Protein backbone atom coordinates (compact mmCIF):
# COMPACT_ATOMS: atom_id res chain seq x y z
CA GLY A 1 15.62 17.03 -8.08
CA HIS A 2 13.96 20.15 -6.68
CA ASN A 3 11.83 18.06 -4.30
CA ALA A 4 13.75 14.77 -3.93
CA PRO A 5 17.57 15.32 -3.59
CA CYS A 6 18.28 11.65 -4.46
CA VAL A 7 16.47 11.82 -7.84
CA PHE A 8 18.27 13.02 -10.99
CA TYR A 9 17.34 13.54 -14.62
CA ASN A 10 19.57 14.30 -17.60
CA ALA A 11 17.57 15.48 -20.61
CA GLN A 12 20.48 15.19 -23.03
CA LEU A 13 21.12 11.55 -22.16
CA GLU A 14 17.44 10.81 -21.48
CA LEU A 15 18.69 9.26 -18.27
CA ARG A 16 16.84 8.96 -14.94
CA ILE A 17 18.78 8.14 -11.76
CA VAL A 18 17.54 7.25 -8.31
CA LEU A 19 20.02 6.98 -5.46
CA TYR A 20 19.30 5.08 -2.24
CA VAL A 21 22.27 4.92 0.18
CA ASP A 22 24.84 3.06 -2.00
CA ASP A 23 22.42 1.63 -4.58
CA LEU A 24 21.72 3.22 -7.97
CA LEU A 25 18.76 2.69 -10.25
CA LEU A 26 19.41 3.90 -13.80
CA SER A 27 16.72 4.09 -16.46
CA GLY A 28 17.28 5.15 -20.05
CA PRO A 29 19.00 4.13 -23.28
CA GLU A 30 21.59 1.38 -22.57
CA LYS A 31 24.41 3.44 -24.10
CA SER A 32 23.62 6.37 -21.75
CA ILE A 33 23.54 4.01 -18.78
CA ARG A 34 26.95 2.48 -19.62
CA ASP A 35 28.55 5.84 -20.40
CA PHE A 36 27.36 7.29 -17.06
CA TYR A 37 28.44 4.19 -15.15
CA SER A 38 31.88 4.26 -16.73
CA LEU A 39 32.28 7.95 -15.84
CA LEU A 40 31.17 7.20 -12.28
CA GLY A 41 33.61 4.32 -12.08
CA SER A 42 36.49 6.68 -12.78
CA ARG A 43 35.74 8.40 -9.47
CA PHE A 44 34.40 5.62 -7.24
CA GLU A 45 34.85 1.87 -6.77
CA LEU A 46 31.76 0.20 -8.21
CA LYS A 47 30.35 -3.29 -8.48
CA GLU A 48 29.70 -4.79 -11.90
CA LEU A 49 26.81 -3.14 -13.67
CA GLN A 50 23.66 -5.23 -13.92
CA VAL A 51 21.56 -4.36 -16.94
CA LEU A 52 17.93 -5.53 -17.09
CA THR A 53 17.12 -6.92 -20.54
CA THR A 54 14.58 -9.43 -21.83
CA SER A 55 17.28 -12.12 -21.61
CA SER A 56 18.89 -11.12 -18.30
CA PRO A 57 16.68 -10.73 -15.19
CA ILE A 58 17.98 -9.13 -12.01
CA ASP A 59 17.75 -10.52 -8.48
CA PHE A 60 17.66 -7.52 -6.13
CA LEU A 61 17.12 -8.04 -2.40
CA GLY A 62 14.92 -11.08 -2.96
CA MET A 63 13.02 -9.56 -5.87
CA GLN A 64 13.28 -11.32 -9.22
CA ILE A 65 12.86 -8.51 -11.73
CA GLU A 66 12.26 -9.41 -15.37
CA LEU A 67 11.83 -7.25 -18.47
CA MET A 68 8.99 -8.49 -20.64
CA PRO A 69 7.96 -7.27 -24.13
CA THR A 70 4.98 -5.58 -22.47
CA GLY A 71 6.60 -4.25 -19.26
CA ILE A 72 8.21 -5.21 -15.98
CA LYS A 73 7.44 -8.33 -13.92
CA VAL A 74 8.44 -8.78 -10.25
CA SER A 75 8.22 -11.99 -8.23
CA MET A 76 9.68 -13.20 -4.93
CA VAL A 77 9.27 -17.01 -4.98
CA LYS A 78 12.63 -17.83 -3.34
CA TYR A 79 12.31 -15.18 -0.66
CA THR A 80 8.76 -16.28 0.15
CA GLN A 81 9.89 -19.89 0.51
CA LYS A 82 12.75 -18.69 2.71
CA THR A 83 10.20 -17.03 4.95
CA VAL A 84 8.08 -20.19 5.15
CA ASP A 85 11.16 -22.40 5.84
CA PHE A 86 12.28 -20.04 8.64
CA MET A 87 8.97 -20.25 10.45
CA ARG A 88 8.58 -23.99 9.92
CA GLU A 89 12.09 -24.83 11.12
CA ASN A 90 11.80 -22.66 14.24
CA LEU A 91 8.21 -23.54 15.20
CA GLN A 92 8.30 -27.15 14.05
CA ASP A 93 5.08 -28.80 15.28
CA ASP A 94 3.47 -25.41 15.91
CA PHE A 95 3.61 -24.64 12.16
CA PRO A 96 0.57 -25.99 10.28
CA HIS A 97 1.27 -29.05 8.11
CA HIS A 98 -2.14 -29.09 6.52
CA ARG A 99 -3.21 -27.30 3.34
CA PRO A 100 -2.10 -23.62 3.36
CA TYR A 101 -4.73 -21.11 4.51
CA ALA A 102 -6.70 -19.45 1.70
CA THR A 103 -6.70 -16.02 3.34
CA PRO A 104 -3.90 -14.22 5.25
CA TYR A 105 -6.02 -13.02 8.14
CA ASP A 106 -9.12 -14.05 10.05
CA ARG A 107 -10.46 -11.60 12.60
CA GLN A 108 -12.41 -14.31 14.39
CA ALA A 109 -9.52 -16.83 14.63
CA ARG A 110 -8.83 -17.95 18.21
CA CYS A 111 -5.93 -19.69 19.89
CA SER A 112 -5.26 -20.99 23.37
CA ASP A 113 -3.97 -18.41 25.90
CA PRO A 114 -4.22 -15.49 23.44
CA ASP A 115 -2.98 -12.88 25.92
CA LEU A 116 0.05 -14.89 27.09
CA PRO A 117 3.26 -12.91 26.50
CA LEU A 118 5.78 -14.57 24.17
CA THR A 119 8.99 -15.99 25.59
CA MET A 120 12.28 -14.41 24.46
CA ALA A 121 12.82 -17.32 22.02
CA GLN A 122 9.35 -16.93 20.59
CA ARG A 123 9.78 -13.19 20.42
CA ARG A 124 12.87 -13.55 18.24
CA ILE A 125 11.04 -15.84 15.88
CA PHE A 126 8.08 -13.47 15.80
CA MET A 127 10.11 -10.37 15.05
CA THR A 128 12.20 -12.01 12.32
CA GLY A 129 9.24 -13.67 10.66
CA LEU A 130 7.20 -10.45 10.81
CA GLY A 131 10.09 -8.50 9.33
CA MET A 132 10.32 -10.92 6.40
CA CYS A 133 6.56 -10.57 5.81
CA GLY A 134 6.93 -6.80 5.99
CA TRP A 135 9.50 -6.83 3.22
CA LEU A 136 7.17 -8.84 1.02
CA ALA A 137 4.32 -6.42 1.74
CA SER A 138 6.54 -3.42 0.99
CA CYS A 139 7.74 -4.80 -2.36
CA PHE A 140 4.52 -5.81 -4.09
CA ARG A 141 2.38 -8.21 -2.00
CA VAL A 142 -0.50 -5.80 -1.48
CA ASP A 143 -2.72 -8.74 -0.52
CA ILE A 144 -0.92 -9.12 2.83
CA LYS A 145 -0.61 -5.43 3.80
CA TYR A 146 -3.71 -5.49 5.98
CA ALA A 147 -2.63 -8.66 7.81
CA TYR A 148 0.90 -7.39 8.28
CA SER A 149 -0.32 -4.05 9.63
CA MET A 150 -2.70 -5.71 12.10
CA ILE A 151 -0.06 -8.17 13.40
CA ALA A 152 2.68 -5.50 13.54
CA SER A 153 0.52 -3.55 16.02
CA GLY A 154 1.75 -6.08 18.60
CA MET A 155 5.48 -5.56 18.02
CA VAL A 156 6.05 -3.69 21.27
CA GLU A 157 4.59 -6.41 23.51
CA PRO A 158 3.83 -9.44 21.28
CA LEU A 159 1.34 -11.89 22.66
CA ASN A 160 0.46 -15.46 21.76
CA HIS A 161 -2.35 -14.43 19.45
CA HIS A 162 0.03 -12.19 17.48
CA LEU A 163 2.32 -15.15 16.80
CA HIS A 164 -0.71 -17.32 15.98
CA ARG A 165 -1.85 -14.79 13.37
CA LEU A 166 1.67 -14.52 11.93
CA VAL A 167 1.74 -18.30 11.47
CA ARG A 168 -1.53 -18.09 9.51
CA LEU A 169 -0.11 -15.31 7.35
CA VAL A 170 2.99 -17.32 6.50
CA SER A 171 0.90 -20.36 5.77
CA TYR A 172 -1.08 -18.25 3.28
CA LEU A 173 2.16 -17.10 1.68
CA GLN A 174 3.20 -20.74 1.30
CA GLY A 175 0.17 -21.34 -0.90
CA THR A 176 0.58 -18.13 -2.91
CA SER A 177 4.34 -17.89 -3.34
CA ALA A 178 4.14 -17.98 -7.13
CA LEU A 179 2.21 -14.71 -7.46
CA CYS A 180 3.86 -11.85 -9.32
CA ALA A 181 3.14 -8.21 -10.15
CA ALA A 182 3.53 -6.74 -13.60
CA SER A 183 3.36 -3.40 -15.33
CA THR A 184 1.96 -3.51 -18.82
CA ILE A 185 1.09 -1.23 -21.70
CA HIS A 186 -2.28 -2.98 -21.65
CA PRO A 187 -3.51 -2.77 -18.01
CA ASN A 188 -6.10 -5.18 -16.70
CA PRO A 189 -9.38 -4.22 -18.46
CA TYR A 190 -11.35 -5.10 -15.31
CA ILE A 191 -9.73 -2.21 -13.36
CA LEU A 192 -12.25 0.42 -14.47
CA PRO A 193 -12.13 2.31 -17.73
CA ASP A 194 -9.10 4.51 -18.20
CA VAL A 195 -9.66 8.01 -16.85
CA ASN A 196 -6.12 9.18 -16.08
CA VAL A 197 -4.04 8.55 -19.20
CA THR A 198 -1.09 10.88 -19.88
CA SER A 199 0.19 11.98 -23.25
CA GLU A 200 3.03 9.46 -22.77
CA GLY A 201 0.43 6.69 -22.61
CA ASN A 202 0.84 5.92 -18.93
CA VAL A 203 -2.30 4.89 -17.09
CA PHE A 204 -2.75 6.02 -13.47
CA LYS A 205 -5.38 4.59 -11.12
CA VAL A 206 -6.04 5.53 -7.49
CA TYR A 207 -8.39 3.71 -5.12
CA CYS A 208 -9.18 4.89 -1.60
CA ASP A 209 -11.29 3.26 1.11
CA SER A 210 -11.90 3.17 4.84
CA ASP A 211 -13.62 0.94 7.41
CA GLN A 212 -15.39 2.26 10.49
CA GLY A 213 -13.91 -0.41 12.76
CA GLY A 214 -13.73 -4.01 13.73
CA VAL A 215 -15.57 -6.09 16.30
CA LYS A 216 -15.22 -4.51 19.74
CA GLU A 217 -14.80 -7.82 21.49
CA SER A 218 -12.06 -9.10 19.15
CA PRO A 219 -8.32 -8.64 19.84
CA ASP A 220 -8.27 -6.09 17.02
CA GLY A 221 -10.71 -3.79 18.77
CA PRO A 222 -13.07 -1.31 17.09
CA LYS A 223 -10.42 1.06 15.70
CA PRO A 224 -11.30 2.28 12.20
CA ARG A 225 -8.85 1.78 9.30
CA PHE A 226 -8.07 3.25 5.92
CA GLY A 227 -6.08 2.34 2.86
CA TYR A 228 -5.26 3.42 -0.65
CA ILE A 229 -3.28 2.34 -3.71
CA LEU A 230 -1.75 4.03 -6.75
CA LEU A 231 -1.40 1.86 -9.87
CA LEU A 232 0.82 2.86 -12.75
CA ASN A 233 0.14 0.74 -15.82
CA GLY A 234 -1.31 -1.93 -13.55
CA PHE A 235 1.63 -2.07 -11.14
CA SER A 236 1.34 -0.97 -7.53
CA VAL A 237 3.59 2.07 -7.18
CA TYR A 238 2.41 3.00 -3.69
CA SER A 239 -0.06 1.54 -1.24
CA LYS A 240 -0.91 1.89 2.46
CA SER A 241 -2.97 0.11 5.10
CA SER A 242 -3.22 1.85 8.47
CA SER A 243 -5.49 2.57 11.38
CA ILE A 244 -7.08 5.95 12.14
CA GLY A 245 -5.36 6.81 15.41
CA VAL A 246 -7.03 10.15 16.07
CA ALA A 247 -10.46 11.36 17.11
CA ILE A 248 -12.05 13.20 14.20
CA ALA A 249 -13.50 16.44 15.48
CA ASP A 250 -13.68 20.18 14.93
CA PRO A 251 -11.42 22.70 16.77
CA ASP A 252 -14.55 24.45 18.02
CA MET A 253 -15.42 21.27 19.91
CA THR A 254 -13.50 22.53 22.94
CA LEU A 255 -15.74 25.58 23.24
CA ALA A 256 -18.81 23.37 22.75
CA LEU A 257 -17.68 21.08 25.55
CA LYS A 258 -17.25 24.05 27.86
CA GLN A 259 -20.75 25.14 27.07
CA GLN A 260 -21.94 21.54 27.50
CA GLU A 261 -23.60 21.50 24.11
CA SER A 262 -25.02 18.20 22.98
CA ALA A 263 -23.61 18.77 19.49
CA ALA A 264 -20.02 18.40 20.75
CA HIS A 265 -18.92 14.93 19.71
CA CYS A 266 -16.33 13.03 17.72
CA ASP A 267 -17.63 12.07 14.29
CA THR A 268 -17.79 8.28 13.88
CA SER A 269 -19.67 8.32 10.54
CA SER A 270 -18.43 6.42 7.50
CA GLY A 271 -18.29 9.72 5.63
CA ALA A 272 -15.84 11.15 8.15
CA ALA A 273 -13.63 8.06 7.96
CA GLU A 274 -13.69 8.17 4.14
CA THR A 275 -12.82 11.87 4.02
CA TYR A 276 -10.03 11.36 6.55
CA ALA A 277 -8.71 8.55 4.27
CA ALA A 278 -8.93 10.89 1.24
CA GLY A 279 -6.99 13.57 3.14
CA ASN A 280 -4.13 11.15 3.89
CA CYS A 281 -4.24 9.68 0.41
CA THR A 282 -3.94 13.09 -1.33
CA HIS A 283 -1.14 14.08 1.05
CA ASP A 284 0.96 11.06 0.02
CA LEU A 285 0.02 11.40 -3.67
CA LEU A 286 1.18 15.00 -3.66
CA ILE A 287 4.62 13.86 -2.48
CA LEU A 288 4.70 11.27 -5.25
CA LYS A 289 3.65 13.93 -7.77
CA HIS A 290 6.76 15.96 -6.84
CA ILE A 291 9.00 12.91 -7.31
CA PHE A 292 7.43 12.18 -10.69
CA THR A 293 8.02 15.81 -11.68
CA ASP A 294 11.71 15.52 -10.73
CA LEU A 295 11.94 12.37 -12.87
CA HIS A 296 10.21 14.17 -15.76
CA ILE A 297 7.38 11.65 -15.81
CA GLU A 298 4.05 13.30 -16.64
CA TRP A 299 1.49 13.27 -13.83
CA PRO A 300 -2.21 13.47 -14.77
CA LEU A 301 -4.07 16.60 -13.63
CA PRO A 302 -6.50 16.20 -12.05
CA ILE A 303 -5.91 12.70 -10.84
CA THR A 304 -9.07 10.73 -9.90
CA LEU A 305 -9.66 9.21 -6.49
CA HIS A 306 -12.02 6.25 -6.78
CA ILE A 307 -14.08 6.03 -3.58
CA ASP A 308 -17.28 4.18 -2.71
CA ASN A 309 -18.81 6.40 -0.02
CA SER A 310 -21.59 8.72 -1.07
CA ALA A 311 -21.00 11.27 1.74
CA ALA A 312 -17.29 11.60 0.83
CA GLU A 313 -18.16 11.80 -2.88
CA THR A 314 -20.69 14.58 -2.15
CA PHE A 315 -18.07 16.45 -0.10
CA MET A 316 -15.37 16.17 -2.79
CA THR A 317 -17.77 17.56 -5.41
CA GLY A 318 -18.50 20.56 -3.19
CA ASN A 319 -22.14 19.76 -2.53
CA ALA A 320 -22.01 18.88 1.20
CA THR A 321 -24.76 20.58 3.17
CA LYS A 322 -24.20 22.74 6.24
CA ARG A 323 -25.91 20.12 8.34
CA SER A 324 -23.52 17.37 7.16
CA LYS A 325 -21.59 15.63 9.93
CA LEU A 326 -18.50 16.16 7.80
CA ARG A 327 -18.21 19.70 9.22
CA HIS A 328 -16.50 18.11 12.23
CA ILE A 329 -13.42 17.07 10.24
CA ALA A 330 -12.34 20.58 9.41
CA GLN A 331 -8.62 19.93 9.00
CA HIS A 332 -8.92 17.16 6.46
CA GLN A 333 -11.88 18.88 4.80
CA ASP A 334 -9.92 22.04 4.14
CA TRP A 335 -6.95 20.10 2.78
CA VAL A 336 -9.07 18.02 0.37
CA LEU A 337 -11.03 21.07 -0.72
CA LEU A 338 -7.84 23.02 -1.39
CA LEU A 339 -6.43 20.30 -3.61
CA ARG A 340 -9.73 19.81 -5.35
CA ASN A 341 -10.17 23.50 -6.05
CA ARG A 342 -6.64 23.69 -7.39
CA GLY A 343 -7.50 21.03 -9.94
CA LEU A 344 -5.11 18.41 -8.47
CA PHE A 345 -7.69 15.81 -7.49
CA VAL A 346 -11.26 14.86 -8.20
CA GLY A 347 -13.47 12.20 -6.62
CA GLU A 348 -15.33 9.57 -8.59
CA HIS A 349 -17.68 6.83 -7.48
CA VAL A 350 -16.62 3.21 -7.76
CA ASP A 351 -18.84 0.26 -6.81
CA SER A 352 -17.78 -1.26 -3.48
CA LYS A 353 -17.17 -4.61 -5.17
CA SER A 354 -14.65 -3.00 -7.49
CA ASN A 355 -12.83 -0.84 -4.98
CA LEU A 356 -9.35 -2.35 -4.86
CA ALA A 357 -8.51 -0.47 -1.66
CA ASP A 358 -11.02 -2.65 0.19
CA ILE A 359 -8.18 -5.14 0.47
CA PHE A 360 -6.40 -2.79 2.94
CA THR A 361 -9.24 -2.05 5.35
CA LYS A 362 -10.69 -5.35 6.48
CA PRO A 363 -10.14 -9.12 6.32
CA LEU A 364 -11.89 -10.45 3.21
CA GLU A 365 -13.47 -13.77 2.46
CA ASN A 366 -11.54 -16.01 0.05
CA ILE A 367 -13.78 -15.37 -2.97
CA VAL A 368 -13.60 -11.59 -2.55
CA LEU A 369 -9.88 -11.55 -1.80
CA THR A 370 -9.13 -13.70 -4.83
CA ARG A 371 -11.15 -11.50 -7.13
CA LEU A 372 -9.55 -8.22 -5.95
CA ARG A 373 -6.08 -9.77 -5.75
CA SER A 374 -6.29 -10.95 -9.37
CA LEU A 375 -6.54 -7.29 -10.48
CA VAL A 376 -2.93 -6.63 -9.48
CA LEU A 377 -1.26 -10.01 -8.85
CA GLN A 378 -1.07 -12.89 -11.29
CA PRO A 379 0.41 -16.42 -11.25
CA LEU A 380 3.87 -16.73 -12.75
């Protein structure tokens, strides 16, 4: 590909190829796949070809991939149980034997000696268990991305409360191991009306959200967070949950500080956080757009960012006033404006209760988590 050197497309064979180290993903007519693989086998030593059909699922790195009449289904029941068994066997009595937790993370949860550093033995358990949870989050378990991100912040110097929160996360996975993700030609009707449908019939949905920060006195601290998700036909193609690790301000702030102007400050408004999130979201989506182009998969223009903050919406529509606090986030402002003016992205309001990206920015109560989770994850 012009943008991704490990992506290939052959128009004559209608064959798409993605290369990752020594693994190949081939998509196209079965005859084209077998002909290409046979040709490749004449030059290199290859493993037996695995072809995904409605009667033959594929187990790849813990993911059970099935081809359904309506699309692809991915589950990780065995790998999830392996994660639970690892933590239970190594922690024994310290692993909860009661009913699994209903949510993966509780900001207010407390444990004894929360700031006590882990022993070397505990540290090995923590790092392995966290890595296994990270793989689940990377594959399709978007419901644990926030919890994983928060716990992973303690990887450098893990403390007792980090291990305590990891145990809760794994307990939650124990009770939800049978969840799966699926792409479908008939996406969930509750995920907003279709606004980004390509001529090929693919439905794209993007949700973006931010949170100004947690409770200052909690171990998490008051650091703001952001998250976003891209759905293709109901399946999570890309998602992110991260903290905002910079102070949002204007370059002219340095001069203002020298002049001791009262206006010189970092912007802590929700509008600033939302626009920062939109800036990062559009940056990552632009990379994905290039990959889709190399794969000859149509990308909708403009693609819609569903956001629930009125200040960010006003900014993306070009109606922000000169007195808006958003003038302090010049770098992300200019980036979002450039993409908007080029017709690549538009902003659209979504009710906070329907913003799927809310799952990446804060710990949610069981009833809210279950409702949002059901939009992208279903029982097997």
